[in-house]
Structures are given as C-alpha cells and as structure tokens.
Amino acid sequence: MWSDIATGYGLFILEILTILLVIAGIVFMIVTFKQHQAKNTGELVVVDLSEQYQEHSKRLREFSLTQETRKQLEKEEKKAEKDKAKIEKEKRKKGELIEDEHKPRLYVLHFKGDIAASATSALREEVSAIIGVAKPEDEVLVRLESPGGMVHGYGLAASQLLRLKQHGIKLTIAVDKVAASGGYMMACVADKIVAAPFAILGSVGVVAQIPNIHRLLKKHDVDVEVMTAGEYKRTMTVLGENTEKGKQKFQQELEDTHQLFKQFVTENRPQLDIEQIATGEHWFGQQALGLNLVDAISTSDDLILNAIKANKTVLSVKYHIKQSFLQKVGKQAEESTDAFLLRWLKRNNSTLL
C-alpha cells in the first residue's frame, strides 16, 4: 500500500516538474524572441567632473576641521546659495536673466578599442550629441586605449573623430596606456596628442597571418575544391592550395592598405617623417615625443585637472547601450576571449592594423 502511495506521489511530482519545465521553456523562448526583435537603444550619460572634483577637494579640506567649524562653513554656504537664488529670481522677474552664462566646456570621451572597434557605435552617438551643442570655445578630450584591430572598424572610428574637427571643435587625444596601429590611426586626427611617459604608440603597419592545412588534407587524401567567379575573388585559402599568383596579389593588397594608412597619417600629422615611423615598430611616450608621434607628455588626469583649474566645465559624456541579460553575458564572454581572438585573427585572412 505504502509503495503504491509513494509511486503515485513520485509520478505526481514528476508531472508537476515537467509542466514547470515546459512553462519555463516557453517563457524563455518568448523573452529571447522579444530580445532579438527589440532594437538596441541607449542613453547618453553626462557626469559633471568639475563638481566631482570640487566635492572631493571640499571633503579633503574639511577632514581636519572641527565639527563646529564644519557647521559654520555649511551655514555660510547655504546662505550664499540662498542669496544667489534670490538675486537670480529678481533678475528673472525683470527679464534680465535670459540664460545662464556659458563657461567654456571640455567634453571627455572614453574609447577602449577591441579587435572590431565595437565602441565606435557609442562614439558615433557621443560625437553627434556634442556637435549639436558645442560652442566655438568648447573642446573635446578623448581618453583613448587601443592596440588596433580590423581596418574597416578603426577607419570608421577615426572618421567619427574627424567629424569634430570638420565642425571646428578642438580635439585632444590622451593616451595613458596604448594607441597602436588602428589606435594610432584614431589618435593622429587630433589637434594635439598627449601621452603618458610609458604609453605605447606607433605600429603603423598592416599584418595578416593565414594558416594553411592543404598538405595535411592531401596526406589523408582529402580534396578541397575552391570555386570562384572572378580571378581574385579568393587569393588565399585555409583549406585549398595557395598559388604563387594568389600570394602575390594578397601581398599587394597589404601593401595598398599600408600605403593608405601612411597617407592618412601624413595628411593629419604632416610634421611626421612617415618613412621613419611607418615600419610597424612601436615606441614609448617619451620616445614618441622625439619622433613627433605625440605633442606632449602628460596623463589624461592632469589635462582634466588643468581644465577645471582654468574654470572650465568638464563633462564626461558616455553613450550606454541598453543590453538584455543575455547580451550582458555574451559581452562578458566576448571580452574574456578577446585576447584569444586577436591571436586567432592574426592567423587567418583578416587584415589587421
């Protein structure tokens, strides 16, 4: 009797679990479908770095003060704020205060580059927003970190920065760690490049490494047929046999890309000896200064502090793309394997700067 009850109870539990799993599966499919259907949207996040700096400085100054002195200072600050608000209110009534005085602004952007320069999507939105509001006295500082990557990705990123210059907005790029290859392609469009003493810059060159397992397949009697329409549709292949003519054509394509890279750098930094620095080598900040790859040695932090001390409003501008849970997990996985992908891409026919 008890065994029958236990068996029945077990079957009941299994049925409930099955139903729950089916429901969970259906919900998961619906959520996944909606996430795929929804467009990526984002928001522009603006942080006043000037206020942050003043607040931090205030806390540090008040650290050694007595509680009584702190309270007195707080009273004085509140009274000053009330007096200021009262004056502005009176001016508004008289129609004297139409808009607040515009102090020169420094817009701070952050670009951390991966192989595909995927941060370009956010950079596009940030640049467009700044172009829409910037005044002639405003400037942009880009804190750039990138070892380079795919040609088309970094070409587009550099073009986004060029939009600022085309609209008459002064652009400074600060390199605290690395701006090499495609990263330097972005940096060279700036009116001024500033680098930390041990930041890595340069690497003006092009590379593509392609593994080929044709002989291994041939050894095991495996044939691979590569069918193309167009003489140079496929110059190099991983599986098939690479011809000398195909190799020469691919090498010529690399040389053409390198020439375009050199031309772009020369147009934006004519003070450079392009033949001296376009060897694919990289240099540290102090060395780069001697080669005119950069204009000054400093950190981005000091540039920001100097702007605040010069009574400029310093605003950090970041476009955040809203991501679903699955997208966040995927992004984390992508970042954790980025170094591996870079090594792998160097071994196939993806041309990298």
Protein backbone atom coordinates (compact mmCIF):
# COMPACT_ATOMS: atom_id res chain seq x y z
CA MET A 1 0.00 0.00 0.00
CA TRP A 2 2.69 2.46 1.04
CA SER A 3 4.73 1.65 -2.06
CA ASP A 4 1.72 2.47 -4.25
CA ILE A 5 1.28 5.81 -2.48
CA ALA A 6 4.99 6.63 -2.84
CA THR A 7 4.91 5.69 -6.51
CA GLY A 8 1.84 7.82 -7.12
CA TYR A 9 3.34 10.74 -5.25
CA GLY A 10 6.56 10.43 -7.24
CA LEU A 11 4.68 10.43 -10.53
CA PHE A 12 2.71 13.49 -9.39
CA ILE A 13 5.93 15.34 -8.58
CA LEU A 14 7.41 14.40 -11.97
CA GLU A 15 4.29 15.68 -13.74
CA ILE A 16 4.49 19.00 -11.86
CA LEU A 17 8.20 19.35 -12.68
CA THR A 18 7.53 18.54 -16.34
CA ILE A 19 4.80 21.18 -16.52
CA LEU A 20 7.05 23.76 -14.84
CA LEU A 21 9.91 22.98 -17.24
CA VAL A 22 7.59 23.32 -20.24
CA ILE A 23 6.29 26.66 -18.93
CA ALA A 24 9.83 27.88 -18.23
CA GLY A 25 10.90 26.83 -21.73
CA ILE A 26 8.00 28.69 -23.33
CA VAL A 27 8.72 31.84 -21.28
CA PHE A 28 12.40 31.65 -22.17
CA MET A 29 11.59 31.35 -25.88
CA ILE A 30 9.20 34.32 -25.73
CA VAL A 31 11.72 36.50 -23.87
CA THR A 32 14.51 35.52 -26.24
CA PHE A 33 12.33 36.26 -29.27
CA LYS A 34 11.37 39.69 -27.93
CA GLN A 35 15.00 40.50 -27.16
CA HIS A 36 16.01 39.59 -30.70
CA GLN A 37 13.15 41.66 -32.09
CA ALA A 38 13.87 44.73 -29.97
CA LYS A 39 16.29 47.30 -31.31
CA ASN A 40 19.34 48.25 -29.30
CA THR A 41 18.56 51.52 -27.57
CA GLY A 42 20.74 53.56 -25.31
CA GLU A 43 21.03 56.69 -23.27
CA LEU A 44 23.56 59.48 -23.01
CA VAL A 45 25.01 59.71 -19.52
CA VAL A 46 26.61 63.04 -18.62
CA VAL A 47 28.64 63.48 -15.42
CA ASP A 48 29.96 66.84 -14.25
CA LEU A 49 33.58 66.06 -13.38
CA SER A 50 34.08 69.65 -12.17
CA GLU A 51 31.51 69.15 -9.43
CA GLN A 52 33.02 65.79 -8.51
CA TYR A 53 36.47 67.37 -8.19
CA GLN A 54 35.14 70.24 -6.07
CA GLU A 55 33.24 67.85 -3.81
CA HIS A 56 36.28 65.63 -3.28
CA SER A 57 38.51 68.64 -2.61
CA LYS A 58 35.97 70.01 -0.15
CA ARG A 59 35.86 66.73 1.79
CA LEU A 60 39.62 66.59 1.99
CA ARG A 61 39.87 70.21 3.16
CA GLU A 62 37.22 69.68 5.83
CA PHE A 63 38.74 66.44 7.10
CA SER A 64 40.93 68.13 9.73
CA LEU A 65 38.36 70.75 10.76
CA THR A 66 36.41 70.60 13.99
CA GLN A 67 32.70 69.78 13.92
CA GLU A 68 31.85 73.33 14.98
CA THR A 69 33.89 74.83 12.13
CA ARG A 70 32.26 72.47 9.63
CA LYS A 71 28.79 73.51 10.75
CA GLN A 72 29.74 77.18 10.42
CA LEU A 73 31.02 76.61 6.89
CA GLU A 74 27.83 74.75 5.94
CA LYS A 75 25.72 77.67 7.22
CA GLU A 76 27.75 80.14 5.20
CA GLU A 77 27.46 78.00 2.05
CA LYS A 78 23.69 77.65 2.43
CA LYS A 79 23.32 81.40 2.98
CA ALA A 80 25.42 82.12 -0.12
CA GLU A 81 23.28 79.73 -2.19
CA LYS A 82 20.05 81.38 -0.96
CA ASP A 83 21.38 84.85 -1.74
CA LYS A 84 22.40 83.72 -5.23
CA ALA A 85 18.99 82.15 -5.87
CA LYS A 86 17.26 85.32 -4.65
CA ILE A 87 19.31 87.53 -6.98
CA GLU A 88 18.60 85.27 -9.95
CA LYS A 89 14.88 85.26 -9.15
CA GLU A 90 14.81 89.07 -9.12
CA LYS A 91 16.66 89.18 -12.44
CA ARG A 92 14.18 86.78 -14.00
CA LYS A 93 11.30 88.97 -12.92
CA LYS A 94 12.95 91.93 -14.62
CA GLY A 95 13.75 89.82 -17.69
CA GLU A 96 17.47 90.38 -17.23
CA LEU A 97 18.49 86.75 -16.83
CA ILE A 98 17.61 85.06 -20.13
CA GLU A 99 20.04 82.14 -19.85
CA ASP A 100 22.91 81.07 -17.67
CA GLU A 101 26.39 82.19 -18.55
CA HIS A 102 28.13 79.60 -20.74
CA LYS A 103 31.56 78.73 -19.41
CA PRO A 104 33.93 77.00 -21.81
CA ARG A 105 33.34 73.27 -21.70
CA LEU A 106 35.63 70.30 -22.01
CA TYR A 107 33.76 67.18 -23.10
CA VAL A 108 35.58 63.99 -22.05
CA LEU A 109 35.01 60.81 -24.05
CA HIS A 110 36.37 57.32 -23.38
CA PHE A 111 37.25 54.90 -26.16
CA LYS A 112 38.54 51.43 -25.27
CA GLY A 113 39.12 49.58 -28.51
CA ASP A 114 38.80 45.87 -29.21
CA ILE A 115 39.59 43.95 -32.39
CA ALA A 116 36.50 45.16 -34.24
CA ALA A 117 36.47 48.69 -32.73
CA SER A 118 32.96 47.93 -31.49
CA ALA A 119 32.97 51.02 -29.26
CA THR A 120 32.52 53.05 -32.46
CA SER A 121 28.73 52.69 -32.19
CA ALA A 122 28.73 54.60 -28.91
CA LEU A 123 31.37 57.05 -30.18
CA ARG A 124 29.09 57.96 -33.09
CA GLU A 125 26.27 58.94 -30.71
CA GLU A 126 28.59 60.88 -28.40
CA VAL A 127 30.14 62.86 -31.24
CA SER A 128 26.75 63.67 -32.76
CA ALA A 129 25.44 64.92 -29.41
CA ILE A 130 28.48 67.16 -28.85
CA ILE A 131 28.33 68.61 -32.36
CA GLY A 132 24.73 69.59 -31.67
CA VAL A 133 25.53 71.72 -28.60
CA ALA A 134 29.22 72.71 -28.69
CA LYS A 135 30.18 76.39 -28.81
CA PRO A 136 33.33 77.73 -30.52
CA GLU A 137 35.22 77.89 -27.21
CA ASP A 138 34.42 74.28 -26.25
CA GLU A 139 36.85 71.38 -26.64
CA VAL A 140 36.82 67.58 -26.65
CA LEU A 141 39.25 65.26 -24.87
CA VAL A 142 39.26 61.58 -25.85
CA ARG A 143 40.89 59.14 -23.46
CA LEU A 144 41.98 56.53 -25.99
CA GLU A 145 43.15 52.98 -25.33
CA SER A 146 43.54 50.54 -28.21
CA PRO A 147 46.16 48.14 -29.59
CA GLY A 148 44.48 48.19 -33.03
CA GLY A 149 42.37 45.73 -34.97
CA MET A 150 40.37 45.45 -38.18
CA VAL A 151 40.97 48.06 -40.86
CA HIS A 152 37.37 48.99 -41.61
CA GLY A 153 36.42 49.23 -37.92
CA TYR A 154 39.19 51.65 -37.00
CA GLY A 155 38.80 53.56 -40.24
CA LEU A 156 35.21 54.35 -39.24
CA ALA A 157 36.25 55.24 -35.67
CA ALA A 158 38.83 57.70 -36.99
CA SER A 159 36.20 59.19 -39.30
CA GLN A 160 33.92 59.83 -36.32
CA LEU A 161 36.67 61.86 -34.65
CA LEU A 162 37.29 63.76 -37.88
CA ARG A 163 33.67 64.96 -37.71
CA LEU A 164 34.60 67.02 -34.64
CA LYS A 165 37.39 68.81 -36.48
CA GLN A 166 35.18 69.37 -39.50
CA HIS A 167 32.76 71.23 -37.21
CA GLY A 168 35.53 73.40 -35.81
CA ILE A 169 35.73 71.68 -32.41
CA LYS A 170 39.24 71.41 -30.98
CA LEU A 171 40.19 67.79 -30.30
CA THR A 172 42.83 66.48 -27.89
CA ILE A 173 43.58 62.78 -27.54
CA ALA A 174 45.21 61.43 -24.39
CA VAL A 175 46.94 58.05 -24.42
CA ASP A 176 47.56 56.70 -20.93
CA LYS A 177 48.35 53.10 -21.97
CA VAL A 178 48.35 52.27 -25.67
CA ALA A 179 47.33 53.70 -29.03
CA ALA A 180 49.00 51.47 -31.57
CA SER A 181 48.23 50.64 -35.19
CA GLY A 182 44.48 51.28 -35.63
CA GLY A 183 44.58 53.06 -32.27
CA TYR A 184 47.19 55.46 -33.62
CA MET A 185 45.12 55.93 -36.78
CA MET A 186 42.45 57.37 -34.47
CA ALA A 187 44.93 59.41 -32.45
CA CYS A 188 46.59 61.10 -35.40
CA VAL A 189 43.45 63.05 -36.35
CA ALA A 190 43.68 65.11 -33.13
CA ASP A 191 44.83 68.72 -32.94
CA LYS A 192 47.01 67.58 -30.06
CA ILE A 193 48.17 64.15 -28.88
CA VAL A 194 49.27 63.76 -25.27
CA ALA A 195 50.78 60.54 -23.94
CA ALA A 196 51.92 59.19 -20.59
CA PRO A 197 55.69 58.55 -20.37
CA PHE A 198 55.36 54.79 -20.83
CA ALA A 199 52.33 54.69 -23.11
CA ILE A 200 52.83 52.65 -26.30
CA LEU A 201 52.31 54.39 -29.65
CA GLY A 202 53.01 53.78 -33.32
CA SER A 203 52.90 50.38 -35.00
CA VAL A 204 51.98 51.99 -38.32
CA GLY A 205 51.79 48.79 -40.32
CA VAL A 206 49.48 46.05 -41.58
CA VAL A 207 49.56 42.33 -40.81
CA ALA A 208 47.68 39.20 -41.88
CA GLN A 209 48.67 35.63 -41.00
CA ILE A 210 46.91 32.72 -42.68
CA PRO A 211 47.20 29.09 -41.59
CA ASN A 212 47.03 26.54 -44.39
CA ILE A 213 46.37 22.83 -43.84
CA HIS A 214 46.29 21.81 -47.51
CA ARG A 215 49.27 19.46 -47.21
CA LEU A 216 47.77 17.75 -44.16
CA LEU A 217 44.49 17.17 -46.02
CA LYS A 218 46.35 15.95 -49.08
CA LYS A 219 48.30 13.47 -46.95
CA HIS A 220 44.99 11.94 -45.86
CA ASP A 221 43.53 12.00 -49.39
CA VAL A 222 41.09 14.82 -48.64
CA ASP A 223 40.32 17.10 -51.58
CA VAL A 224 39.06 20.67 -51.13
CA GLU A 225 37.66 22.42 -54.17
CA VAL A 226 37.53 26.23 -54.04
CA MET A 227 35.14 27.54 -56.67
CA THR A 228 35.22 31.27 -57.52
CA ALA A 229 33.89 33.65 -60.12
CA GLY A 230 36.42 36.41 -60.63
CA GLU A 231 40.16 35.93 -60.88
CA TYR A 232 40.94 37.35 -57.44
CA LYS A 233 37.76 36.53 -55.54
CA ARG A 234 39.79 34.27 -53.25
CA THR A 235 43.52 34.97 -53.23
CA MET A 236 44.37 32.95 -50.11
CA THR A 237 42.60 29.99 -48.53
CA VAL A 238 42.98 27.93 -45.37
CA LEU A 239 41.98 24.56 -46.85
CA GLY A 240 42.90 24.72 -50.52
CA GLU A 241 46.25 25.07 -52.23
CA ASN A 242 47.55 28.65 -52.35
CA THR A 243 49.11 29.65 -55.64
CA GLU A 244 52.10 31.94 -56.07
CA LYS A 245 49.91 34.32 -58.05
CA GLY A 246 47.38 34.44 -55.22
CA LYS A 247 50.12 35.12 -52.67
CA GLN A 248 51.49 37.99 -54.74
CA LYS A 249 48.04 39.51 -55.12
CA PHE A 250 47.36 39.26 -51.37
CA GLN A 251 50.73 40.83 -50.58
CA GLN A 252 49.90 43.67 -52.95
CA GLU A 253 46.62 44.22 -51.13
CA LEU A 254 48.51 44.51 -47.83
CA GLU A 255 50.93 47.00 -49.40
CA ASP A 256 47.99 49.05 -50.73
CA THR A 257 46.38 49.10 -47.29
CA HIS A 258 49.68 50.15 -45.71
CA GLN A 259 50.03 52.95 -48.26
CA LEU A 260 46.55 54.25 -47.44
CA PHE A 261 47.41 54.09 -43.73
CA LYS A 262 50.60 56.10 -44.29
CA GLN A 263 48.75 58.62 -46.42
CA PHE A 264 46.10 59.10 -43.74
CA VAL A 265 48.70 59.67 -41.02
CA THR A 266 50.65 62.11 -43.23
CA GLU A 267 47.56 64.16 -44.01
CA ASN A 268 46.72 64.53 -40.33
CA ARG A 269 50.26 64.89 -38.95
CA PRO A 270 52.42 66.38 -41.71
CA GLN A 271 55.22 67.08 -39.16
CA LEU A 272 55.98 63.35 -39.05
CA ASP A 273 58.74 61.64 -41.02
CA ILE A 274 56.35 58.98 -42.27
CA GLU A 275 59.02 56.68 -43.70
CA GLN A 276 60.82 56.64 -40.37
CA ILE A 277 57.77 55.68 -38.29
CA ALA A 278 55.77 53.55 -40.76
CA THR A 279 57.87 50.44 -40.16
CA GLY A 280 55.42 48.66 -37.88
CA GLU A 281 57.54 49.48 -34.81
CA HIS A 282 56.12 50.96 -31.61
CA TRP A 283 57.63 53.43 -29.15
CA PHE A 284 57.06 54.55 -25.58
CA GLY A 285 55.70 58.02 -24.86
CA GLN A 286 58.99 59.82 -24.30
CA GLN A 287 60.47 58.26 -27.44
CA ALA A 288 57.32 59.05 -29.39
CA LEU A 289 57.69 62.72 -28.44
CA GLY A 290 61.11 62.85 -30.08
CA LEU A 291 59.63 61.34 -33.27
CA ASN A 292 56.68 63.81 -33.33
CA LEU A 293 54.21 60.98 -32.83
CA VAL A 294 52.87 62.97 -29.86
CA ASP A 295 52.94 66.63 -28.86
CA ALA A 296 53.35 66.46 -25.09
CA ILE A 297 53.93 64.11 -22.18
CA SER A 298 51.17 64.04 -19.58
CA THR A 299 48.32 61.93 -18.27
CA SER A 300 44.67 62.48 -19.07
CA ASP A 301 44.06 63.11 -15.36
CA ASP A 302 46.31 66.17 -15.37
CA LEU A 303 44.63 67.51 -18.51
CA ILE A 304 41.25 67.28 -16.78
CA LEU A 305 42.53 68.92 -13.57
CA ASN A 306 44.13 71.75 -15.53
CA ALA A 307 40.84 72.38 -17.33
CA ILE A 308 38.96 72.52 -14.01
CA LYS A 309 41.52 74.94 -12.56
CA ALA A 310 41.09 77.09 -15.70
CA ASN A 311 37.42 77.44 -14.69
CA LYS A 312 36.08 75.22 -17.48
CA THR A 313 33.08 72.99 -17.06
CA VAL A 314 34.36 69.42 -17.55
CA LEU A 315 31.70 66.92 -18.57
CA SER A 316 32.16 63.18 -19.02
CA VAL A 317 29.94 62.03 -21.90
CA LYS A 318 29.19 58.33 -22.35
CA TYR A 319 26.57 56.66 -24.51
CA HIS A 320 25.39 53.47 -22.80
CA ILE A 321 23.65 50.92 -24.99
CA LYS A 322 20.96 49.11 -23.04
CA GLN A 323 21.56 45.37 -23.05
CA SER A 324 19.46 42.41 -22.05
CA PHE A 325 20.73 39.84 -19.56
CA LEU A 326 21.73 37.50 -22.39
CA GLN A 327 23.58 40.31 -24.16
CA LYS A 328 25.47 41.18 -20.97
CA VAL A 329 26.52 37.56 -20.53
CA GLY A 330 27.58 37.42 -24.15
CA LYS A 331 29.55 40.66 -23.82
CA GLN A 332 31.38 39.32 -20.79
CA ALA A 333 32.27 36.15 -22.66
CA GLU A 334 33.42 38.22 -25.64
CA GLU A 335 35.70 40.37 -23.50
CA SER A 336 37.20 37.36 -21.73
CA THR A 337 38.14 35.77 -25.07
CA ASP A 338 39.26 38.97 -26.82
CA ALA A 339 42.97 38.21 -26.44
CA PHE A 340 42.46 34.73 -27.87
CA LEU A 341 40.52 36.12 -30.85
CA LEU A 342 43.28 38.61 -31.61
CA ARG A 343 45.83 35.81 -31.81
CA TRP A 344 43.48 33.72 -33.95
CA LEU A 345 42.70 36.54 -36.37
CA LYS A 346 46.39 37.07 -36.93
CA ARG A 347 46.48 33.55 -38.29
CA ASN A 348 43.72 33.89 -40.88
CA ASN A 349 42.95 36.24 -43.72
CA SER A 350 41.60 39.12 -41.57
CA THR A 351 43.79 42.12 -42.27
CA LEU A 352 44.68 43.99 -39.08
CA LEU A 353 46.13 47.42 -38.46
